[in-house]
Amino acid sequence: MPQASFGLSTHGFGLSEAIELTRALGQLPPCCVVYAIEGSSFDVGAPLSPLVAAAVAAVAEQMRVEIAGNTGPRAEAACMKLH
């Protein structure tokens, strides 16, 4: 088999590909909130930097609040309307 047939994975998807896949599968929600954290080092085996670790904790807390149903104006303002 050709080598090009291997290595295709959704792990390499970006945001637009992920949204389009959900659209193709009929699973696209009416609203999507995207959380993004910029990495600082991509060396194999490198630990999270303190800044990235703090951002992960902050995003996890915000998600916990939103999942618990305590969404507020911030969540509504961040909502990306999809159609």
C-alpha atoms as a PDB file:
ATOM      1  CA  MET A   1       0.000   0.000   0.000  1.00  0.00           C
ATOM      2  CA  PRO A   2       1.216   3.527  -0.658  1.00  0.00           C
ATOM      3  CA  GLN A   3       2.800   5.263   2.347  1.00  0.00           C
ATOM      4  CA  ALA A   4       0.439   8.219   1.795  1.00  0.00           C
ATOM      5  CA  SER A   5      -2.439   5.943   2.869  1.00  0.00           C
ATOM      6  CA  PHE A   6      -1.041   5.840   6.390  1.00  0.00           C
ATOM      7  CA  GLY A   7      -0.834   8.623   8.912  1.00  0.00           C
ATOM      8  CA  LEU A   8      -4.262  10.094   8.257  1.00  0.00           C
ATOM      9  CA  SER A   9      -5.825  10.885  11.579  1.00  0.00           C
ATOM     10  CA  THR A  10      -8.237  13.312  13.184  1.00  0.00           C
ATOM     11  CA  HIS A  11      -5.421  14.099  15.652  1.00  0.00           C
ATOM     12  CA  GLY A  12      -3.983  16.422  13.017  1.00  0.00           C
ATOM     13  CA  PHE A  13      -7.238  18.326  12.568  1.00  0.00           C
ATOM     14  CA  GLY A  14      -7.425  22.019  13.221  1.00  0.00           C
ATOM     15  CA  LEU A  15     -10.510  23.838  14.458  1.00  0.00           C
ATOM     16  CA  SER A  16     -12.048  24.323  11.013  1.00  0.00           C
ATOM     17  CA  GLU A  17     -11.617  20.645  10.091  1.00  0.00           C
ATOM     18  CA  ALA A  18     -13.177  19.547  13.389  1.00  0.00           C
ATOM     19  CA  ILE A  19     -16.181  21.836  12.875  1.00  0.00           C
ATOM     20  CA  GLU A  20     -16.637  20.657   9.298  1.00  0.00           C
ATOM     21  CA  LEU A  21     -16.443  17.009  10.405  1.00  0.00           C
ATOM     22  CA  THR A  22     -19.224  17.585  12.948  1.00  0.00           C
ATOM     23  CA  ARG A  23     -21.248  19.288  10.210  1.00  0.00           C
ATOM     24  CA  ALA A  24     -20.704  16.322   7.847  1.00  0.00           C
ATOM     25  CA  LEU A  25     -21.752  13.899  10.600  1.00  0.00           C
ATOM     26  CA  GLY A  26     -24.898  15.910  11.357  1.00  0.00           C
ATOM     27  CA  GLN A  27     -23.656  16.683  14.881  1.00  0.00           C
ATOM     28  CA  LEU A  28     -22.933  20.405  14.554  1.00  0.00           C
ATOM     29  CA  PRO A  29     -24.294  22.272  17.591  1.00  0.00           C
ATOM     30  CA  PRO A  30     -25.997  25.658  17.148  1.00  0.00           C
ATOM     31  CA  CYS A  31     -23.323  27.296  19.304  1.00  0.00           C
ATOM     32  CA  CYS A  32     -19.687  26.482  19.948  1.00  0.00           C
ATOM     33  CA  VAL A  33     -17.378  27.964  22.584  1.00  0.00           C
ATOM     34  CA  VAL A  34     -13.713  27.375  21.818  1.00  0.00           C
ATOM     35  CA  TYR A  35     -11.051  27.455  24.498  1.00  0.00           C
ATOM     36  CA  ALA A  36      -7.471  27.754  23.299  1.00  0.00           C
ATOM     37  CA  ILE A  37      -4.194  27.717  25.184  1.00  0.00           C
ATOM     38  CA  GLU A  38      -0.972  28.503  23.386  1.00  0.00           C
ATOM     39  CA  GLY A  39       1.848  26.130  24.180  1.00  0.00           C
ATOM     40  CA  SER A  40       5.330  27.368  24.959  1.00  0.00           C
ATOM     41  CA  SER A  41       7.433  24.270  24.250  1.00  0.00           C
ATOM     42  CA  PHE A  42       6.753  21.333  21.987  1.00  0.00           C
ATOM     43  CA  ASP A  43       9.827  19.250  22.759  1.00  0.00           C
ATOM     44  CA  VAL A  44       9.066  15.564  23.240  1.00  0.00           C
ATOM     45  CA  GLY A  45       8.692  14.887  26.955  1.00  0.00           C
ATOM     46  CA  ALA A  46       8.791  18.570  27.929  1.00  0.00           C
ATOM     47  CA  PRO A  47       6.629  19.374  30.973  1.00  0.00           C
ATOM     48  CA  LEU A  48       3.963  22.061  30.946  1.00  0.00           C
ATOM     49  CA  SER A  49       5.352  25.502  31.600  1.00  0.00           C
ATOM     50  CA  PRO A  50       3.995  27.270  34.695  1.00  0.00           C
ATOM     51  CA  LEU A  51       2.077  29.713  32.456  1.00  0.00           C
ATOM     52  CA  VAL A  52       0.458  26.921  30.456  1.00  0.00           C
ATOM     53  CA  ALA A  53      -0.368  24.951  33.620  1.00  0.00           C
ATOM     54  CA  ALA A  54      -2.053  28.045  35.093  1.00  0.00           C
ATOM     55  CA  ALA A  55      -4.015  28.583  31.864  1.00  0.00           C
ATOM     56  CA  VAL A  56      -5.162  24.941  31.889  1.00  0.00           C
ATOM     57  CA  ALA A  57      -6.404  25.342  35.465  1.00  0.00           C
ATOM     58  CA  ALA A  58      -8.248  28.568  34.611  1.00  0.00           C
ATOM     59  CA  VAL A  59      -9.898  27.068  31.522  1.00  0.00           C
ATOM     60  CA  ALA A  60     -10.863  23.900  33.415  1.00  0.00           C
ATOM     61  CA  GLU A  61     -12.530  26.011  36.113  1.00  0.00           C
ATOM     62  CA  GLN A  62     -14.417  28.089  33.534  1.00  0.00           C
ATOM     63  CA  MET A  63     -15.605  24.905  31.826  1.00  0.00           C
ATOM     64  CA  ARG A  64     -16.664  23.432  35.178  1.00  0.00           C
ATOM     65  CA  VAL A  65     -18.757  26.534  35.895  1.00  0.00           C
ATOM     66  CA  GLU A  66     -20.358  26.460  32.443  1.00  0.00           C
ATOM     67  CA  ILE A  67     -21.104  22.728  32.580  1.00  0.00           C
ATOM     68  CA  ALA A  68     -22.698  23.194  36.000  1.00  0.00           C
ATOM     69  CA  GLY A  69     -25.127  25.588  34.329  1.00  0.00           C
ATOM     70  CA  ASN A  70     -23.687  28.756  35.786  1.00  0.00           C
ATOM     71  CA  THR A  71     -23.130  30.364  32.409  1.00  0.00           C
ATOM     72  CA  GLY A  72     -23.172  34.099  32.274  1.00  0.00           C
ATOM     73  CA  PRO A  73     -22.590  36.978  29.890  1.00  0.00           C
ATOM     74  CA  ARG A  74     -19.004  35.905  29.282  1.00  0.00           C
ATOM     75  CA  ALA A  75     -20.111  32.536  27.885  1.00  0.00           C
ATOM     76  CA  GLU A  76     -22.813  34.135  25.746  1.00  0.00           C
ATOM     77  CA  ALA A  77     -20.356  36.684  24.360  1.00  0.00           C
ATOM     78  CA  ALA A  78     -17.857  33.924  23.586  1.00  0.00           C
ATOM     79  CA  CYS A  79     -20.417  31.769  21.767  1.00  0.00           C
ATOM     80  CA  MET A  80     -19.584  31.350  18.091  1.00  0.00           C
ATOM     81  CA  LYS A  81     -22.869  30.945  16.243  1.00  0.00           C
ATOM     82  CA  LEU A  82     -22.626  28.176  13.657  1.00  0.00           C
ATOM     83  CA  HIS A  83     -24.890  27.617  10.698  1.00  0.00           C
END
